[in-house]
Amino acid sequence: MSVEVGRETGRSAGGVELSRLVVPAQGEVVAGLAMVHGLGDHSGRYGEVLAEFARRGITSVAADFPGHGQSAGARGHIESRSEAHSVIAGSVARL
């Protein structure tokens, strides 16, 4: 069964253009998941994992932090913990 793994763009609280994966649940939605990658990582590595969650009724959002994956910013650099928290809060709000 094929699962649609989509990519969206948005902006961080600091104005940095962010990229995120959005994978809608198939069938009845039973839960939502905001995935957070580690430093130096990116959401693109997790498309297959999120697709498996979708098959089980879980909608997922996985944002790239600034400077990671397809998000803008200095490679591997997050300005502050509060910037990271705002990216995570944006993923939860998107759910």
PDB file of N, CA and C in Angstrom:
ATOM      1  N   MET A   1       0.842  -1.168   0.000  1.00  0.00           N
ATOM      2  CA  MET A   1       0.000   0.000   0.000  1.00  0.00           C
ATOM      3  C   MET A   1       0.895   1.241   0.000  1.00  0.00           C
ATOM      4  N   SER A   2       0.671   2.114  -0.966  1.00  0.00           N
ATOM      5  CA  SER A   2       1.480   3.318  -1.110  1.00  0.00           C
ATOM      6  C   SER A   2       1.005   4.406  -0.142  1.00  0.00           C
ATOM      7  N   VAL A   3       1.954   5.079   0.454  1.00  0.00           N
ATOM      8  CA  VAL A   3       1.656   6.152   1.407  1.00  0.00           C
ATOM      9  C   VAL A   3       2.224   7.450   0.858  1.00  0.00           C
ATOM     10  N   GLU A   4       1.426   8.512   0.919  1.00  0.00           N
ATOM     11  CA  GLU A   4       1.867   9.831   0.453  1.00  0.00           C
ATOM     12  C   GLU A   4       2.722  10.498   1.525  1.00  0.00           C
ATOM     13  N   VAL A   5       3.988  10.761   1.181  1.00  0.00           N
ATOM     14  CA  VAL A   5       4.887  11.494   2.065  1.00  0.00           C
ATOM     15  C   VAL A   5       5.080  12.862   1.425  1.00  0.00           C
ATOM     16  N   GLY A   6       4.477  13.903   2.027  1.00  0.00           N
ATOM     17  CA  GLY A   6       4.537  15.239   1.450  1.00  0.00           C
ATOM     18  C   GLY A   6       5.562  16.112   2.150  1.00  0.00           C
ATOM     19  N   ARG A   7       5.982  17.160   1.468  1.00  0.00           N
ATOM     20  CA  ARG A   7       6.916  18.119   2.049  1.00  0.00           C
ATOM     21  C   ARG A   7       6.297  19.493   1.956  1.00  0.00           C
ATOM     22  N   GLU A   8       6.388  20.247   3.037  1.00  0.00           N
ATOM     23  CA  GLU A   8       5.873  21.620   3.112  1.00  0.00           C
ATOM     24  C   GLU A   8       6.990  22.551   3.546  1.00  0.00           C
ATOM     25  N   THR A   9       6.777  23.832   3.349  1.00  0.00           N
ATOM     26  CA  THR A   9       7.704  24.832   3.873  1.00  0.00           C
ATOM     27  C   THR A   9       6.932  25.791   4.774  1.00  0.00           C
ATOM     28  N   GLY A  10       7.652  26.393   5.682  1.00  0.00           N
ATOM     29  CA  GLY A  10       7.095  27.380   6.588  1.00  0.00           C
ATOM     30  C   GLY A  10       8.224  28.237   7.115  1.00  0.00           C
ATOM     31  N   ARG A  11       7.958  29.005   8.144  1.00  0.00           N
ATOM     32  CA  ARG A  11       8.989  29.872   8.732  1.00  0.00           C
ATOM     33  C   ARG A  11       9.074  29.623  10.225  1.00  0.00           C
ATOM     34  N   SER A  12      10.303  29.693  10.731  1.00  0.00           N
ATOM     35  CA  SER A  12      10.501  29.593  12.181  1.00  0.00           C
ATOM     36  C   SER A  12      10.112  30.915  12.813  1.00  0.00           C
ATOM     37  N   ALA A  13      10.048  30.942  14.146  1.00  0.00           N
ATOM     38  CA  ALA A  13       9.751  32.189  14.865  1.00  0.00           C
ATOM     39  C   ALA A  13      10.789  33.249  14.537  1.00  0.00           C
ATOM     40  N   GLY A  14      12.015  32.821  14.227  1.00  0.00           N
ATOM     41  CA  GLY A  14      13.089  33.756  13.871  1.00  0.00           C
ATOM     42  C   GLY A  14      13.110  34.125  12.400  1.00  0.00           C
ATOM     43  N   GLY A  15      12.151  33.609  11.608  1.00  0.00           N
ATOM     44  CA  GLY A  15      12.047  33.973  10.201  1.00  0.00           C
ATOM     45  C   GLY A  15      12.809  33.079   9.231  1.00  0.00           C
ATOM     46  N   VAL A  16      13.411  31.993   9.714  1.00  0.00           N
ATOM     47  CA  VAL A  16      14.159  31.089   8.849  1.00  0.00           C
ATOM     48  C   VAL A  16      13.182  30.179   8.111  1.00  0.00           C
ATOM     49  N   GLU A  17      13.382  29.988   6.800  1.00  0.00           N
ATOM     50  CA  GLU A  17      12.518  29.093   6.041  1.00  0.00           C
ATOM     51  C   GLU A  17      12.803  27.647   6.429  1.00  0.00           C
ATOM     52  N   LEU A  18      11.742  26.954   6.853  1.00  0.00           N
ATOM     53  CA  LEU A  18      11.863  25.569   7.308  1.00  0.00           C
ATOM     54  C   LEU A  18      11.184  24.621   6.335  1.00  0.00           C
ATOM     55  N   SER A  19      11.667  23.404   6.315  1.00  0.00           N
ATOM     56  CA  SER A  19      11.061  22.339   5.529  1.00  0.00           C
ATOM     57  C   SER A  19      10.580  21.260   6.483  1.00  0.00           C
ATOM     58  N   ARG A  20       9.444  20.628   6.162  1.00  0.00           N
ATOM     59  CA  ARG A  20       8.969  19.541   7.015  1.00  0.00           C
ATOM     60  C   ARG A  20       8.236  18.500   6.193  1.00  0.00           C
ATOM     61  N   LEU A  21       8.339  17.262   6.651  1.00  0.00           N
ATOM     62  CA  LEU A  21       7.569  16.163   6.077  1.00  0.00           C
ATOM     63  C   LEU A  21       6.224  16.115   6.776  1.00  0.00           C
ATOM     64  N   VAL A  22       5.179  15.853   6.008  1.00  0.00           N
ATOM     65  CA  VAL A  22       3.845  15.655   6.571  1.00  0.00           C
ATOM     66  C   VAL A  22       3.308  14.367   5.949  1.00  0.00           C
ATOM     67  N   VAL A  23       2.977  13.413   6.808  1.00  0.00           N
ATOM     68  CA  VAL A  23       2.500  12.114   6.338  1.00  0.00           C
ATOM     69  C   VAL A  23       1.144  11.847   6.983  1.00  0.00           C
ATOM     70  N   PRO A  24       0.059  11.995   6.199  1.00  0.00           N
ATOM     71  CA  PRO A  24      -1.275  11.778   6.767  1.00  0.00           C
ATOM     72  C   PRO A  24      -1.543  10.298   7.032  1.00  0.00           C
ATOM     73  N   ALA A  25      -2.295  10.040   8.070  1.00  0.00           N
ATOM     74  CA  ALA A  25      -2.693   8.674   8.405  1.00  0.00           C
ATOM     75  C   ALA A  25      -3.557   8.104   7.291  1.00  0.00           C
ATOM     76  N   GLN A  26      -3.470   6.813   7.111  1.00  0.00           N
ATOM     77  CA  GLN A  26      -4.378   6.133   6.199  1.00  0.00           C
ATOM     78  C   GLN A  26      -5.528   5.570   7.017  1.00  0.00           C
ATOM     79  N   GLY A  27      -6.735   5.788   6.537  1.00  0.00           N
ATOM     80  CA  GLY A  27      -7.894   5.304   7.279  1.00  0.00           C
ATOM     81  C   GLY A  27      -8.170   6.183   8.480  1.00  0.00           C
ATOM     82  N   GLU A  28      -8.726   5.569   9.512  1.00  0.00           N
ATOM     83  CA  GLU A  28      -9.070   6.298  10.735  1.00  0.00           C
ATOM     84  C   GLU A  28      -7.812   6.783  11.449  1.00  0.00           C
ATOM     85  N   VAL A  29      -7.817   8.063  11.840  1.00  0.00           N
ATOM     86  CA  VAL A  29      -6.677   8.621  12.577  1.00  0.00           C
ATOM     87  C   VAL A  29      -6.801   8.210  14.042  1.00  0.00           C
ATOM     88  N   VAL A  30      -5.757   7.561  14.547  1.00  0.00           N
ATOM     89  CA  VAL A  30      -5.760   7.125  15.945  1.00  0.00           C
ATOM     90  C   VAL A  30      -4.802   7.935  16.807  1.00  0.00           C
ATOM     91  N   ALA A  31      -3.849   8.632  16.164  1.00  0.00           N
ATOM     92  CA  ALA A  31      -2.863   9.407  16.928  1.00  0.00           C
ATOM     93  C   ALA A  31      -2.123  10.358  15.996  1.00  0.00           C
ATOM     94  N   GLY A  32      -1.398  11.279  16.609  1.00  0.00           N
ATOM     95  CA  GLY A  32      -0.518  12.187  15.884  1.00  0.00           C
ATOM     96  C   GLY A  32       0.884  12.079  16.451  1.00  0.00           C
ATOM     97  N   LEU A  33       1.882  12.285  15.597  1.00  0.00           N
ATOM     98  CA  LEU A  33       3.281  12.167  16.010  1.00  0.00           C
ATOM     99  C   LEU A  33       4.077  13.343  15.473  1.00  0.00           C
ATOM    100  N   ALA A  34       4.743  14.072  16.355  1.00  0.00           N
ATOM    101  CA  ALA A  34       5.684  15.117  15.944  1.00  0.00           C
ATOM    102  C   ALA A  34       7.074  14.543  16.146  1.00  0.00           C
ATOM    103  N   MET A  35       7.755  14.194  15.048  1.00  0.00           N
ATOM    104  CA  MET A  35       9.079  13.592  15.127  1.00  0.00           C
ATOM    105  C   MET A  35      10.141  14.686  15.187  1.00  0.00           C
ATOM    106  N   VAL A  36      11.122  14.495  16.043  1.00  0.00           N
ATOM    107  CA  VAL A  36      12.215  15.454  16.198  1.00  0.00           C
ATOM    108  C   VAL A  36      13.522  14.732  15.903  1.00  0.00           C
ATOM    109  N   HIS A  37      14.247  15.212  14.891  1.00  0.00           N
ATOM    110  CA  HIS A  37      15.532  14.584  14.561  1.00  0.00           C
ATOM    111  C   HIS A  37      16.639  15.152  15.444  1.00  0.00           C
ATOM    112  N   GLY A  38      17.782  14.504  15.442  1.00  0.00           N
ATOM    113  CA  GLY A  38      18.922  14.952  16.235  1.00  0.00           C
ATOM    114  C   GLY A  38      19.749  15.999  15.514  1.00  0.00           C
ATOM    115  N   LEU A  39      20.731  16.556  16.210  1.00  0.00           N
ATOM    116  CA  LEU A  39      21.620  17.545  15.607  1.00  0.00           C
ATOM    117  C   LEU A  39      22.415  16.884  14.484  1.00  0.00           C
ATOM    118  N   GLY A  40      22.532  17.577  13.360  1.00  0.00           N
ATOM    119  CA  GLY A  40      23.255  17.058  12.214  1.00  0.00           C
ATOM    120  C   GLY A  40      22.438  16.077  11.384  1.00  0.00           C
ATOM    121  N   ASP A  41      21.215  15.835  11.748  1.00  0.00           N
ATOM    122  CA  ASP A  41      20.348  14.890  11.055  1.00  0.00           C
ATOM    123  C   ASP A  41      19.299  15.673  10.263  1.00  0.00           C
ATOM    124  N   HIS A  42      18.349  14.982   9.629  1.00  0.00           N
ATOM    125  CA  HIS A  42      17.272  15.656   8.907  1.00  0.00           C
ATOM    126  C   HIS A  42      16.086  14.719   8.765  1.00  0.00           C
ATOM    127  N   SER A  43      14.924  15.302   8.518  1.00  0.00           N
ATOM    128  CA  SER A  43      13.680  14.530   8.466  1.00  0.00           C
ATOM    129  C   SER A  43      13.620  13.579   7.276  1.00  0.00           C
ATOM    130  N   GLY A  44      14.312  13.898   6.205  1.00  0.00           N
ATOM    131  CA  GLY A  44      14.255  13.079   5.002  1.00  0.00           C
ATOM    132  C   GLY A  44      14.677  11.633   5.213  1.00  0.00           C
ATOM    133  N   ARG A  45      15.434  11.379   6.248  1.00  0.00           N
ATOM    134  CA  ARG A  45      15.877  10.005   6.529  1.00  0.00           C
ATOM    135  C   ARG A  45      14.755   9.143   7.106  1.00  0.00           C
ATOM    136  N   TYR A  46      13.631   9.750   7.471  1.00  0.00           N
ATOM    137  CA  TYR A  46      12.606   9.035   8.212  1.00  0.00           C
ATOM    138  C   TYR A  46      11.297   8.829   7.450  1.00  0.00           C
ATOM    139  N   GLY A  47      11.288   9.084   6.162  1.00  0.00           N
ATOM    140  CA  GLY A  47      10.073   8.942   5.369  1.00  0.00           C
ATOM    141  C   GLY A  47       9.467   7.551   5.444  1.00  0.00           C
ATOM    142  N   GLU A  48      10.287   6.519   5.349  1.00  0.00           N
ATOM    143  CA  GLU A  48       9.774   5.142   5.407  1.00  0.00           C
ATOM    144  C   GLU A  48       9.199   4.815   6.781  1.00  0.00           C
ATOM    145  N   VAL A  49       9.832   5.308   7.828  1.00  0.00           N
ATOM    146  CA  VAL A  49       9.335   5.077   9.192  1.00  0.00           C
ATOM    147  C   VAL A  49       7.985   5.764   9.371  1.00  0.00           C
ATOM    148  N   LEU A  50       7.889   7.014   8.911  1.00  0.00           N
ATOM    149  CA  LEU A  50       6.640   7.750   9.035  1.00  0.00           C
ATOM    150  C   LEU A  50       5.541   7.124   8.180  1.00  0.00           C
ATOM    151  N   ALA A  51       5.904   6.559   7.027  1.00  0.00           N
ATOM    152  CA  ALA A  51       4.931   5.867   6.189  1.00  0.00           C
ATOM    153  C   ALA A  51       4.359   4.653   6.922  1.00  0.00           C
ATOM    154  N   GLU A  52       5.187   3.957   7.657  1.00  0.00           N
ATOM    155  CA  GLU A  52       4.702   2.802   8.425  1.00  0.00           C
ATOM    156  C   GLU A  52       3.741   3.257   9.529  1.00  0.00           C
ATOM    157  N   PHE A  53       4.053   4.371  10.185  1.00  0.00           N
ATOM    158  CA  PHE A  53       3.113   4.921  11.166  1.00  0.00           C
ATOM    159  C   PHE A  53       1.782   5.256  10.496  1.00  0.00           C
ATOM    160  N   ALA A  54       1.838   5.855   9.287  1.00  0.00           N
ATOM    161  CA  ALA A  54       0.615   6.231   8.569  1.00  0.00           C
ATOM    162  C   ALA A  54      -0.262   5.012   8.295  1.00  0.00           C
ATOM    163  N   ARG A  55       0.364   3.906   7.936  1.00  0.00           N
ATOM    164  CA  ARG A  55      -0.389   2.666   7.683  1.00  0.00           C
ATOM    165  C   ARG A  55      -1.132   2.196   8.934  1.00  0.00           C
ATOM    166  N   ARG A  56      -0.659   2.632  10.087  1.00  0.00           N
ATOM    167  CA  ARG A  56      -1.263   2.234  11.364  1.00  0.00           C
ATOM    168  C   ARG A  56      -2.186   3.312  11.936  1.00  0.00           C
ATOM    169  N   GLY A  57      -2.510   4.325  11.115  1.00  0.00           N
ATOM    170  CA  GLY A  57      -3.461   5.349  11.522  1.00  0.00           C
ATOM    171  C   GLY A  57      -2.858   6.535  12.252  1.00  0.00           C
ATOM    172  N   ILE A  58      -1.549   6.741  12.108  1.00  0.00           N
ATOM    173  CA  ILE A  58      -0.876   7.833  12.818  1.00  0.00           C
ATOM    174  C   ILE A  58      -0.424   8.893  11.815  1.00  0.00           C
ATOM    175  N   THR A  59      -0.927  10.120  11.981  1.00  0.00           N
ATOM    176  CA  THR A  59      -0.476  11.250  11.171  1.00  0.00           C
ATOM    177  C   THR A  59       0.826  11.774  11.765  1.00  0.00           C
ATOM    178  N   SER A  60       1.819  12.042  10.894  1.00  0.00           N
ATOM    179  CA  SER A  60       3.134  12.469  11.383  1.00  0.00           C
ATOM    180  C   SER A  60       3.587  13.776  10.741  1.00  0.00           C
ATOM    181  N   VAL A  61       4.298  14.568  11.531  1.00  0.00           N
ATOM    182  CA  VAL A  61       4.949  15.781  11.055  1.00  0.00           C
ATOM    183  C   VAL A  61       6.391  15.727  11.558  1.00  0.00           C
ATOM    184  N   ALA A  62       7.333  15.979  10.649  1.00  0.00           N
ATOM    185  CA  ALA A  62       8.752  15.961  11.019  1.00  0.00           C
ATOM    186  C   ALA A  62       9.437  17.162  10.375  1.00  0.00           C
ATOM    187  N   ALA A  63       9.741  18.172  11.164  1.00  0.00           N
ATOM    188  CA  ALA A  63      10.367  19.392  10.641  1.00  0.00           C
ATOM    189  C   ALA A  63      11.877  19.288  10.695  1.00  0.00           C
ATOM    190  N   ASP A  64      12.531  19.869   9.703  1.00  0.00           N
ATOM    191  CA  ASP A  64      13.981  20.038   9.751  1.00  0.00           C
ATOM    192  C   ASP A  64      14.274  21.293  10.563  1.00  0.00           C
ATOM    193  N   PHE A  65      15.188  21.199  11.506  1.00  0.00           N
ATOM    194  CA  PHE A  65      15.618  22.385  12.236  1.00  0.00           C
ATOM    195  C   PHE A  65      16.334  23.334  11.269  1.00  0.00           C
ATOM    196  N   PRO A  66      16.435  24.619  11.608  1.00  0.00           N
ATOM    197  CA  PRO A  66      17.220  25.538  10.779  1.00  0.00           C
ATOM    198  C   PRO A  66      18.636  24.975  10.600  1.00  0.00           C
ATOM    199  N   GLY A  67      19.149  25.069   9.375  1.00  0.00           N
ATOM    200  CA  GLY A  67      20.494  24.579   9.089  1.00  0.00           C
ATOM    201  C   GLY A  67      20.589  23.075   8.929  1.00  0.00           C
ATOM    202  N   HIS A  68      19.456  22.397   8.881  1.00  0.00           N
ATOM    203  CA  HIS A  68      19.423  20.946   8.741  1.00  0.00           C
ATOM    204  C   HIS A  68      18.531  20.564   7.564  1.00  0.00           C
ATOM    205  N   GLY A  69      18.883  19.478   6.878  1.00  0.00           N
ATOM    206  CA  GLY A  69      18.064  18.979   5.779  1.00  0.00           C
ATOM    207  C   GLY A  69      17.807  20.046   4.741  1.00  0.00           C
ATOM    208  N   GLN A  70      16.535  20.243   4.404  1.00  0.00           N
ATOM    209  CA  GLN A  70      16.166  21.207   3.370  1.00  0.00           C
ATOM    210  C   GLN A  70      15.782  22.571   3.938  1.00  0.00           C
ATOM    211  N   SER A  71      15.984  22.787   5.232  1.00  0.00           N
ATOM    212  CA  SER A  71      15.707  24.100   5.836  1.00  0.00           C
ATOM    213  C   SER A  71      16.888  25.043   5.597  1.00  0.00           C
ATOM    214  N   ALA A  72      16.568  26.330   5.523  1.00  0.00           N
ATOM    215  CA  ALA A  72      17.605  27.346   5.332  1.00  0.00           C
ATOM    216  C   ALA A  72      18.411  27.522   6.617  1.00  0.00           C
ATOM    217  N   GLY A  73      19.517  28.223   6.493  1.00  0.00           N
ATOM    218  CA  GLY A  73      20.342  28.536   7.654  1.00  0.00           C
ATOM    219  C   GLY A  73      21.720  27.920   7.545  1.00  0.00           C
ATOM    220  N   ALA A  74      22.620  28.394   8.402  1.00  0.00           N
ATOM    221  CA  ALA A  74      23.984  27.866   8.428  1.00  0.00           C
ATOM    222  C   ALA A  74      23.936  26.377   8.767  1.00  0.00           C
ATOM    223  N   ARG A  75      24.593  25.565   7.972  1.00  0.00           N
ATOM    224  CA  ARG A  75      24.545  24.111   8.129  1.00  0.00           C
ATOM    225  C   ARG A  75      24.875  23.681   9.548  1.00  0.00           C
ATOM    226  N   GLY A  76      23.944  22.920  10.130  1.00  0.00           N
ATOM    227  CA  GLY A  76      24.146  22.341  11.452  1.00  0.00           C
ATOM    228  C   GLY A  76      24.012  23.311  12.611  1.00  0.00           C
ATOM    229  N   HIS A  77      23.551  24.532  12.339  1.00  0.00           N
ATOM    230  CA  HIS A  77      23.505  25.549  13.396  1.00  0.00           C
ATOM    231  C   HIS A  77      22.064  25.877  13.780  1.00  0.00           C
ATOM    232  N   ILE A  78      21.774  25.739  15.066  1.00  0.00           N
ATOM    233  CA  ILE A  78      20.505  26.202  15.620  1.00  0.00           C
ATOM    234  C   ILE A  78      20.852  27.336  16.566  1.00  0.00           C
ATOM    235  N   GLU A  79      20.210  28.469  16.383  1.00  0.00           N
ATOM    236  CA  GLU A  79      20.558  29.687  17.129  1.00  0.00           C
ATOM    237  C   GLU A  79      20.431  29.518  18.642  1.00  0.00           C
ATOM    238  N   SER A  80      19.370  28.851  19.095  1.00  0.00           N
ATOM    239  CA  SER A  80      19.134  28.743  20.534  1.00  0.00           C
ATOM    240  C   SER A  80      18.188  27.589  20.830  1.00  0.00           C
ATOM    241  N   ARG A  81      18.115  27.224  22.092  1.00  0.00           N
ATOM    242  CA  ARG A  81      17.146  26.212  22.504  1.00  0.00           C
ATOM    243  C   ARG A  81      15.724  26.681  22.243  1.00  0.00           C
ATOM    244  N   SER A  82      15.481  27.962  22.438  1.00  0.00           N
ATOM    245  CA  SER A  82      14.122  28.468  22.213  1.00  0.00           C
ATOM    246  C   SER A  82      13.744  28.363  20.731  1.00  0.00           C
ATOM    247  N   GLU A  83      14.713  28.514  19.834  1.00  0.00           N
ATOM    248  CA  GLU A  83      14.424  28.337  18.411  1.00  0.00           C
ATOM    249  C   GLU A  83      14.052  26.876  18.129  1.00  0.00           C
ATOM    250  N   ALA A  84      14.780  25.946  18.720  1.00  0.00           N
ATOM    251  CA  ALA A  84      14.454  24.519  18.568  1.00  0.00           C
ATOM    252  C   ALA A  84      13.069  24.233  19.127  1.00  0.00           C
ATOM    253  N   HIS A  85      12.766  24.790  20.281  1.00  0.00           N
ATOM    254  CA  HIS A  85      11.448  24.586  20.891  1.00  0.00           C
ATOM    255  C   HIS A  85      10.339  25.133  19.996  1.00  0.00           C
ATOM    256  N   SER A  86      10.582  26.266  19.339  1.00  0.00           N
ATOM    257  CA  SER A  86       9.541  26.845  18.476  1.00  0.00           C
ATOM    258  C   SER A  86       9.309  25.974  17.243  1.00  0.00           C
ATOM    259  N   VAL A  87      10.358  25.331  16.734  1.00  0.00           N
ATOM    260  CA  VAL A  87      10.194  24.422  15.597  1.00  0.00           C
ATOM    261  C   VAL A  87       9.342  23.221  16.015  1.00  0.00           C
ATOM    262  N   ILE A  88       9.628  22.678  17.185  1.00  0.00           N
ATOM    263  CA  ILE A  88       8.860  21.547  17.697  1.00  0.00           C
ATOM    264  C   ILE A  88       7.404  21.956  17.933  1.00  0.00           C
ATOM    265  N   ALA A  89       7.194  23.126  18.527  1.00  0.00           N
ATOM    266  CA  ALA A  89       5.825  23.622  18.774  1.00  0.00           C
ATOM    267  C   ALA A  89       5.081  23.802  17.453  1.00  0.00           C
ATOM    268  N   GLY A  90       5.782  24.251  16.404  1.00  0.00           N
ATOM    269  CA  GLY A  90       5.164  24.381  15.090  1.00  0.00           C
ATOM    270  C   GLY A  90       4.721  23.048  14.521  1.00  0.00           C
ATOM    271  N   SER A  91       5.514  22.001  14.768  1.00  0.00           N
ATOM    272  CA  SER A  91       5.143  20.663  14.299  1.00  0.00           C
ATOM    273  C   SER A  91       3.896  20.178  15.030  1.00  0.00           C
ATOM    274  N   VAL A  92       3.857  20.420  16.324  1.00  0.00           N
ATOM    275  CA  VAL A  92       2.683  20.005  17.115  1.00  0.00           C
ATOM    276  C   VAL A  92       1.453  20.783  16.647  1.00  0.00           C
ATOM    277  N   ALA A  93       1.605  22.072  16.403  1.00  0.00           N
ATOM    278  CA  ALA A  93       0.484  22.881  15.927  1.00  0.00           C
ATOM    279  C   ALA A  93       0.011  22.406  14.557  1.00  0.00           C
ATOM    280  N   ARG A  94       0.935  21.979  13.704  1.00  0.00           N
ATOM    281  CA  ARG A  94       0.571  21.491  12.353  1.00  0.00           C
ATOM    282  C   ARG A  94      -0.269  20.217  12.448  1.00  0.00           C
ATOM    283  N   LEU A  95       0.014  19.394  13.456  1.00  0.00           N
ATOM    284  CA  LEU A  95      -0.789  18.171  13.634  1.00  0.00           C
ATOM    285  C   LEU A  95      -2.238  18.529  13.837  1.00  0.00           C
TER     286      LEU A  95
END
